[in-house]
Amino acid sequence: MTSQTWTWSPTAYQTNAGFVPLLTTPILTLLAPQRDETIMDLGCGDGTLTAKLAKEYGLKKVVGTDASPEMVEAAKKEVERCGVQSVCECVVWDGQEMEKSVWAGKAVFDAVFSNA
């Protein structure tokens, strides 16, 4: 599989992402985050859920990934706005390329989730 750059508009995403708040409670219930866990938000979009996890659950680390550089920039701004940049990392990464990632073959996450 070849690397592909995805482009998403954060403004269009916010206009059309009304489903994110609706899914937050069910996702967090299923995820059941525990203090001091490291969790990956695969396809983090604008970082709303990434920042919420870090702020409300006292997680050790939250890594938000998205294939769109524009969305990762929006996520970084959300993380900073929420004051959780010390425990959040937002990176451009296409989850379809797991075998090529710096995380391949390593158990660095307690949980990985996606609502994308």
C-alpha atoms as a PDB file:
ATOM      1  CA  MET A   1       0.000   0.000   0.000  1.00  0.00           C
ATOM      2  CA  THR A   2       1.386   3.391  -0.927  1.00  0.00           C
ATOM      3  CA  SER A   3       1.361   6.419   1.289  1.00  0.00           C
ATOM      4  CA  GLN A   4      -1.394   8.875   0.487  1.00  0.00           C
ATOM      5  CA  THR A   5      -1.943  12.413   1.734  1.00  0.00           C
ATOM      6  CA  TRP A   6      -5.496  13.171   2.792  1.00  0.00           C
ATOM      7  CA  THR A   7      -6.889  16.688   2.910  1.00  0.00           C
ATOM      8  CA  TRP A   8      -9.861  17.577   5.069  1.00  0.00           C
ATOM      9  CA  SER A   9     -11.240  20.988   5.918  1.00  0.00           C
ATOM     10  CA  PRO A  10     -11.513  21.546   9.676  1.00  0.00           C
ATOM     11  CA  THR A  11     -14.308  24.065   9.031  1.00  0.00           C
ATOM     12  CA  ALA A  12     -16.319  21.598   6.946  1.00  0.00           C
ATOM     13  CA  TYR A  13     -15.631  18.883   9.512  1.00  0.00           C
ATOM     14  CA  GLN A  14     -17.012  21.006  12.358  1.00  0.00           C
ATOM     15  CA  THR A  15     -20.074  21.822  10.269  1.00  0.00           C
ATOM     16  CA  ASN A  16     -20.757  18.150   9.532  1.00  0.00           C
ATOM     17  CA  ALA A  17     -19.431  16.363  12.616  1.00  0.00           C
ATOM     18  CA  GLY A  18     -22.556  16.585  14.738  1.00  0.00           C
ATOM     19  CA  PHE A  19     -22.281  12.830  15.268  1.00  0.00           C
ATOM     20  CA  VAL A  20     -19.119  13.174  17.377  1.00  0.00           C
ATOM     21  CA  PRO A  21     -20.823  14.475  20.553  1.00  0.00           C
ATOM     22  CA  LEU A  22     -23.595  11.891  20.086  1.00  0.00           C
ATOM     23  CA  LEU A  23     -21.040   9.069  20.026  1.00  0.00           C
ATOM     24  CA  THR A  24     -18.805  10.375  22.810  1.00  0.00           C
ATOM     25  CA  THR A  25     -20.652   8.813  25.755  1.00  0.00           C
ATOM     26  CA  PRO A  26     -21.103   5.371  24.146  1.00  0.00           C
ATOM     27  CA  ILE A  27     -17.466   5.334  22.991  1.00  0.00           C
ATOM     28  CA  LEU A  28     -16.145   6.326  26.408  1.00  0.00           C
ATOM     29  CA  THR A  29     -18.395   3.745  28.075  1.00  0.00           C
ATOM     30  CA  LEU A  30     -17.029   0.999  25.849  1.00  0.00           C
ATOM     31  CA  LEU A  31     -13.458   2.263  26.113  1.00  0.00           C
ATOM     32  CA  ALA A  32     -13.646   2.576  29.918  1.00  0.00           C
ATOM     33  CA  PRO A  33     -10.441   4.644  30.143  1.00  0.00           C
ATOM     34  CA  GLN A  34      -8.422   4.184  33.312  1.00  0.00           C
ATOM     35  CA  ARG A  35      -6.018   6.579  34.932  1.00  0.00           C
ATOM     36  CA  ASP A  36      -2.434   6.256  33.735  1.00  0.00           C
ATOM     37  CA  GLU A  37      -3.352   4.511  30.471  1.00  0.00           C
ATOM     38  CA  THR A  38      -1.962   5.441  27.068  1.00  0.00           C
ATOM     39  CA  ILE A  39      -4.668   5.583  24.405  1.00  0.00           C
ATOM     40  CA  MET A  40      -4.624   6.212  20.656  1.00  0.00           C
ATOM     41  CA  ASP A  41      -7.463   8.114  18.986  1.00  0.00           C
ATOM     42  CA  LEU A  42      -7.216   6.813  15.416  1.00  0.00           C
ATOM     43  CA  GLY A  43      -8.710   9.409  13.069  1.00  0.00           C
ATOM     44  CA  CYS A  44      -8.876  12.120  15.722  1.00  0.00           C
ATOM     45  CA  GLY A  45     -10.401  14.769  13.474  1.00  0.00           C
ATOM     46  CA  ASP A  46     -10.407  18.132  15.204  1.00  0.00           C
ATOM     47  CA  GLY A  47      -9.210  16.642  18.501  1.00  0.00           C
ATOM     48  CA  THR A  48     -12.387  17.182  20.502  1.00  0.00           C
ATOM     49  CA  LEU A  49     -12.517  13.643  21.873  1.00  0.00           C
ATOM     50  CA  THR A  50      -8.719  13.433  22.167  1.00  0.00           C
ATOM     51  CA  ALA A  51      -8.648  16.484  24.447  1.00  0.00           C
ATOM     52  CA  LYS A  52     -11.705  15.309  26.409  1.00  0.00           C
ATOM     53  CA  LEU A  53     -10.020  11.995  27.198  1.00  0.00           C
ATOM     54  CA  ALA A  54      -6.895  13.722  28.458  1.00  0.00           C
ATOM     55  CA  LYS A  55      -8.788  16.321  30.487  1.00  0.00           C
ATOM     56  CA  GLU A  56     -11.434  14.166  32.136  1.00  0.00           C
ATOM     57  CA  TYR A  57      -9.692  10.853  32.742  1.00  0.00           C
ATOM     58  CA  GLY A  58      -6.185  11.700  33.937  1.00  0.00           C
ATOM     59  CA  LEU A  59      -4.624   9.576  31.241  1.00  0.00           C
ATOM     60  CA  LYS A  60      -0.879   9.158  31.045  1.00  0.00           C
ATOM     61  CA  LYS A  61      -0.897   9.951  27.335  1.00  0.00           C
ATOM     62  CA  VAL A  62      -3.329  10.350  24.466  1.00  0.00           C
ATOM     63  CA  VAL A  63      -2.066  10.168  20.906  1.00  0.00           C
ATOM     64  CA  GLY A  64      -4.436  11.589  18.311  1.00  0.00           C
ATOM     65  CA  THR A  65      -3.690  10.538  14.741  1.00  0.00           C
ATOM     66  CA  ASP A  66      -5.245  11.643  11.491  1.00  0.00           C
ATOM     67  CA  ALA A  67      -4.243  11.246   7.859  1.00  0.00           C
ATOM     68  CA  SER A  68      -5.047  14.909   7.181  1.00  0.00           C
ATOM     69  CA  PRO A  69      -2.397  17.487   8.149  1.00  0.00           C
ATOM     70  CA  GLU A  70      -5.135  20.141   8.347  1.00  0.00           C
ATOM     71  CA  MET A  71      -7.110  18.097  10.872  1.00  0.00           C
ATOM     72  CA  VAL A  72      -4.005  17.426  12.964  1.00  0.00           C
ATOM     73  CA  GLU A  73      -3.350  21.175  13.114  1.00  0.00           C
ATOM     74  CA  ALA A  74      -6.956  21.705  14.272  1.00  0.00           C
ATOM     75  CA  ALA A  75      -6.502  18.934  16.871  1.00  0.00           C
ATOM     76  CA  LYS A  76      -3.311  20.558  18.176  1.00  0.00           C
ATOM     77  CA  LYS A  77      -5.205  23.838  18.616  1.00  0.00           C
ATOM     78  CA  GLU A  78      -8.021  22.058  20.491  1.00  0.00           C
ATOM     79  CA  VAL A  79      -5.546  20.270  22.745  1.00  0.00           C
ATOM     80  CA  GLU A  80      -3.835  23.579  23.518  1.00  0.00           C
ATOM     81  CA  ARG A  81      -7.187  25.343  24.075  1.00  0.00           C
ATOM     82  CA  CYS A  82      -8.076  22.658  26.631  1.00  0.00           C
ATOM     83  CA  GLY A  83      -4.672  22.944  28.314  1.00  0.00           C
ATOM     84  CA  VAL A  84      -3.774  19.259  27.916  1.00  0.00           C
ATOM     85  CA  GLN A  85      -0.784  19.531  25.578  1.00  0.00           C
ATOM     86  CA  SER A  86       1.504  17.990  28.206  1.00  0.00           C
ATOM     87  CA  VAL A  87      -0.293  14.622  27.831  1.00  0.00           C
ATOM     88  CA  CYS A  88      -1.522  14.832  24.228  1.00  0.00           C
ATOM     89  CA  GLU A  89       0.368  14.293  21.029  1.00  0.00           C
ATOM     90  CA  CYS A  90      -1.300  14.856  17.660  1.00  0.00           C
ATOM     91  CA  VAL A  91       0.413  13.381  14.618  1.00  0.00           C
ATOM     92  CA  VAL A  92      -0.220  13.013  10.913  1.00  0.00           C
ATOM     93  CA  TRP A  93      -0.485   9.298  10.286  1.00  0.00           C
ATOM     94  CA  ASP A  94      -2.572   7.108   8.028  1.00  0.00           C
ATOM     95  CA  GLY A  95      -3.838   4.174  10.085  1.00  0.00           C
ATOM     96  CA  GLN A  96      -3.880   2.031   6.957  1.00  0.00           C
ATOM     97  CA  GLU A  97      -0.090   1.876   7.219  1.00  0.00           C
ATOM     98  CA  MET A  98       0.175   0.288  10.661  1.00  0.00           C
ATOM     99  CA  GLU A  99       2.931  -2.092   9.590  1.00  0.00           C
ATOM    100  CA  LYS A 100       5.126   0.904   8.652  1.00  0.00           C
ATOM    101  CA  SER A 101       4.495   2.891  11.809  1.00  0.00           C
ATOM    102  CA  VAL A 102       6.913   3.599  14.640  1.00  0.00           C
ATOM    103  CA  TRP A 103       4.465   1.616  16.787  1.00  0.00           C
ATOM    104  CA  ALA A 104       4.517  -1.584  14.698  1.00  0.00           C
ATOM    105  CA  GLY A 105       5.127  -4.647  16.844  1.00  0.00           C
ATOM    106  CA  LYS A 106       5.191  -2.661  20.074  1.00  0.00           C
ATOM    107  CA  ALA A 107       2.610  -2.714  22.843  1.00  0.00           C
ATOM    108  CA  VAL A 108       2.703   1.012  23.548  1.00  0.00           C
ATOM    109  CA  PHE A 109      -1.059   1.604  23.816  1.00  0.00           C
ATOM    110  CA  ASP A 110      -3.480   0.265  26.390  1.00  0.00           C
ATOM    111  CA  ALA A 111      -6.305   0.919  23.931  1.00  0.00           C
ATOM    112  CA  VAL A 112      -6.847   2.159  20.397  1.00  0.00           C
ATOM    113  CA  PHE A 113     -10.232   3.456  19.283  1.00  0.00           C
ATOM    114  CA  SER A 114     -11.796   5.228  16.335  1.00  0.00           C
ATOM    115  CA  ASN A 115     -15.116   6.852  15.651  1.00  0.00           C
ATOM    116  CA  ALA A 116     -13.969   7.856  12.159  1.00  0.00           C
END
